[in-house]
Amino acid sequence: MWKENGEVTRSPEEVKQRWHDHFNDVLNAPSQYRQETIEEIPSHPTEWELDDPPTCEELMAALSKLKRGKAGGKTGMTPQLIVHWTGAELIDSLLQLTQRV
């Protein structure tokens, strides 16, 4: 890692200090926006129900919308495979996974 003056950092303490200085400069830059302008932007009410974990019904609705014939991506699990294997055990596993995420 390089110091601001172009020298190489030699110790872990110097590296730690350089990261500190870097993020201090980046994160503490003065705002380029006027607070009045920000306050004029209309806002929408918070939709707290979006914080709730997905339900089994929501998962089933999402699965019913999967399009067949699409690629499986890195995992190789195609939508057809998921739709074909939508037994209770798979649904329960997918629901647990989506709720954790």
C-alpha atoms as a PDB file:
ATOM      1  CA  MET A   1       0.000   0.000   0.000  1.00  0.00           C
ATOM      2  CA  TRP A   2       1.199   3.505  -0.782  1.00  0.00           C
ATOM      3  CA  LYS A   3       1.294   6.497   1.511  1.00  0.00           C
ATOM      4  CA  GLU A   4      -0.084   9.795   0.253  1.00  0.00           C
ATOM      5  CA  ASN A   5       3.440  10.995  -0.508  1.00  0.00           C
ATOM      6  CA  GLY A   6       4.075   7.941  -2.736  1.00  0.00           C
ATOM      7  CA  GLU A   7       6.233   5.956  -0.298  1.00  0.00           C
ATOM      8  CA  VAL A   8       5.467   2.314   0.403  1.00  0.00           C
ATOM      9  CA  THR A   9       3.966   1.510   3.801  1.00  0.00           C
ATOM     10  CA  ARG A  10       6.283  -0.775   5.731  1.00  0.00           C
ATOM     11  CA  SER A  11       4.430  -1.891   8.844  1.00  0.00           C
ATOM     12  CA  PRO A  12       0.920  -3.033   9.728  1.00  0.00           C
ATOM     13  CA  GLU A  13       0.512   0.153  11.768  1.00  0.00           C
ATOM     14  CA  GLU A  14       1.312   2.282   8.703  1.00  0.00           C
ATOM     15  CA  VAL A  15      -1.178   0.305   6.600  1.00  0.00           C
ATOM     16  CA  LYS A  16      -3.848   0.720   9.264  1.00  0.00           C
ATOM     17  CA  GLN A  17      -3.141   4.454   9.506  1.00  0.00           C
ATOM     18  CA  ARG A  18      -3.257   4.811   5.703  1.00  0.00           C
ATOM     19  CA  TRP A  19      -6.666   3.106   5.532  1.00  0.00           C
ATOM     20  CA  HIS A  20      -7.880   5.339   8.352  1.00  0.00           C
ATOM     21  CA  ASP A  21      -6.667   8.454   6.541  1.00  0.00           C
ATOM     22  CA  HIS A  22      -8.160   7.300   3.239  1.00  0.00           C
ATOM     23  CA  PHE A  23     -11.644   6.647   4.624  1.00  0.00           C
ATOM     24  CA  ASN A  24     -11.504   9.761   6.761  1.00  0.00           C
ATOM     25  CA  ASP A  25     -10.905  11.804   3.600  1.00  0.00           C
ATOM     26  CA  VAL A  26     -13.528   9.963   1.537  1.00  0.00           C
ATOM     27  CA  LEU A  27     -16.313   9.788   4.109  1.00  0.00           C
ATOM     28  CA  ASN A  28     -15.899  13.214   5.660  1.00  0.00           C
ATOM     29  CA  ALA A  29     -16.011  15.251   2.473  1.00  0.00           C
ATOM     30  CA  PRO A  30     -18.360  18.224   2.672  1.00  0.00           C
ATOM     31  CA  SER A  31     -21.754  17.740   1.032  1.00  0.00           C
ATOM     32  CA  GLN A  32     -22.285  19.225  -2.400  1.00  0.00           C
ATOM     33  CA  TYR A  33     -26.049  19.397  -1.879  1.00  0.00           C
ATOM     34  CA  ARG A  34     -28.126  22.057  -0.176  1.00  0.00           C
ATOM     35  CA  GLN A  35     -30.215  20.757   2.732  1.00  0.00           C
ATOM     36  CA  GLU A  36     -33.178  22.858   1.538  1.00  0.00           C
ATOM     37  CA  THR A  37     -33.168  21.014  -1.782  1.00  0.00           C
ATOM     38  CA  ILE A  38     -33.094  17.629  -0.082  1.00  0.00           C
ATOM     39  CA  GLU A  39     -36.022  18.594   2.146  1.00  0.00           C
ATOM     40  CA  GLU A  40     -38.082  19.577  -0.922  1.00  0.00           C
ATOM     41  CA  ILE A  41     -37.943  16.034  -2.336  1.00  0.00           C
ATOM     42  CA  PRO A  42     -41.299  14.350  -1.696  1.00  0.00           C
ATOM     43  CA  SER A  43     -41.169  11.165   0.334  1.00  0.00           C
ATOM     44  CA  HIS A  44     -43.491   8.195   0.569  1.00  0.00           C
ATOM     45  CA  PRO A  45     -44.732   6.650   3.806  1.00  0.00           C
ATOM     46  CA  THR A  46     -42.706   3.739   5.119  1.00  0.00           C
ATOM     47  CA  GLU A  47     -44.144   0.352   4.207  1.00  0.00           C
ATOM     48  CA  TRP A  48     -43.298  -1.611   7.346  1.00  0.00           C
ATOM     49  CA  GLU A  49     -44.843  -4.847   6.026  1.00  0.00           C
ATOM     50  CA  LEU A  50     -41.889  -5.132   3.644  1.00  0.00           C
ATOM     51  CA  ASP A  51     -39.785  -6.002   6.722  1.00  0.00           C
ATOM     52  CA  ASP A  52     -41.849  -9.152   7.300  1.00  0.00           C
ATOM     53  CA  PRO A  53     -40.282 -12.414   6.123  1.00  0.00           C
ATOM     54  CA  PRO A  54     -41.901 -13.942   3.028  1.00  0.00           C
ATOM     55  CA  THR A  55     -44.802 -16.317   3.592  1.00  0.00           C
ATOM     56  CA  CYS A  56     -45.393 -19.697   2.005  1.00  0.00           C
ATOM     57  CA  GLU A  57     -48.186 -18.155  -0.077  1.00  0.00           C
ATOM     58  CA  GLU A  58     -45.820 -15.470  -1.418  1.00  0.00           C
ATOM     59  CA  LEU A  59     -43.225 -18.111  -2.255  1.00  0.00           C
ATOM     60  CA  MET A  60     -45.806 -20.226  -4.076  1.00  0.00           C
ATOM     61  CA  ALA A  61     -46.990 -17.160  -6.024  1.00  0.00           C
ATOM     62  CA  ALA A  62     -43.384 -16.390  -7.046  1.00  0.00           C
ATOM     63  CA  LEU A  63     -42.766 -19.998  -8.079  1.00  0.00           C
ATOM     64  CA  SER A  64     -45.916 -19.990 -10.199  1.00  0.00           C
ATOM     65  CA  LYS A  65     -44.499 -17.059 -12.179  1.00  0.00           C
ATOM     66  CA  LEU A  66     -41.243 -18.827 -13.100  1.00  0.00           C
ATOM     67  CA  LYS A  67     -40.822 -19.036 -16.859  1.00  0.00           C
ATOM     68  CA  ARG A  68     -39.916 -22.380 -18.284  1.00  0.00           C
ATOM     69  CA  GLY A  69     -37.062 -22.759 -20.753  1.00  0.00           C
ATOM     70  CA  LYS A  70     -34.729 -20.272 -19.040  1.00  0.00           C
ATOM     71  CA  ALA A  71     -31.081 -20.940 -18.202  1.00  0.00           C
ATOM     72  CA  GLY A  72     -30.153 -22.139 -14.743  1.00  0.00           C
ATOM     73  CA  GLY A  73     -27.233 -19.800 -14.165  1.00  0.00           C
ATOM     74  CA  LYS A  74     -24.205 -20.846 -12.098  1.00  0.00           C
ATOM     75  CA  THR A  75     -26.138 -23.432 -10.084  1.00  0.00           C
ATOM     76  CA  GLY A  76     -27.636 -25.114 -13.130  1.00  0.00           C
ATOM     77  CA  MET A  77     -31.047 -25.176 -11.424  1.00  0.00           C
ATOM     78  CA  THR A  78     -33.473 -24.265 -14.169  1.00  0.00           C
ATOM     79  CA  PRO A  79     -36.944 -22.906 -13.411  1.00  0.00           C
ATOM     80  CA  GLN A  80     -38.359 -26.112 -14.934  1.00  0.00           C
ATOM     81  CA  LEU A  81     -36.432 -28.165 -12.400  1.00  0.00           C
ATOM     82  CA  ILE A  82     -37.712 -26.089  -9.494  1.00  0.00           C
ATOM     83  CA  VAL A  83     -41.317 -26.187 -10.734  1.00  0.00           C
ATOM     84  CA  HIS A  84     -41.099 -29.953 -11.353  1.00  0.00           C
ATOM     85  CA  TRP A  85     -39.695 -30.671  -7.871  1.00  0.00           C
ATOM     86  CA  THR A  86     -41.970 -28.406  -5.851  1.00  0.00           C
ATOM     87  CA  GLY A  87     -42.726 -31.005  -3.219  1.00  0.00           C
ATOM     88  CA  ALA A  88     -43.353 -30.093   0.421  1.00  0.00           C
ATOM     89  CA  GLU A  89     -39.722 -30.662   1.414  1.00  0.00           C
ATOM     90  CA  LEU A  90     -38.366 -28.389  -1.329  1.00  0.00           C
ATOM     91  CA  ILE A  91     -40.947 -25.694  -0.590  1.00  0.00           C
ATOM     92  CA  ASP A  92     -40.047 -25.797   3.101  1.00  0.00           C
ATOM     93  CA  SER A  93     -36.321 -25.550   2.305  1.00  0.00           C
ATOM     94  CA  LEU A  94     -36.839 -22.662  -0.138  1.00  0.00           C
ATOM     95  CA  LEU A  95     -39.061 -20.867   2.362  1.00  0.00           C
ATOM     96  CA  GLN A  96     -36.446 -21.207   5.116  1.00  0.00           C
ATOM     97  CA  LEU A  97     -33.767 -19.952   2.737  1.00  0.00           C
ATOM     98  CA  THR A  98     -35.750 -16.921   1.573  1.00  0.00           C
ATOM     99  CA  GLN A  99     -36.710 -16.042   5.128  1.00  0.00           C
ATOM    100  CA  ARG A 100     -33.064 -16.124   6.208  1.00  0.00           C
ATOM    101  CA  VAL A 101     -32.073 -13.914   3.286  1.00  0.00           C
END
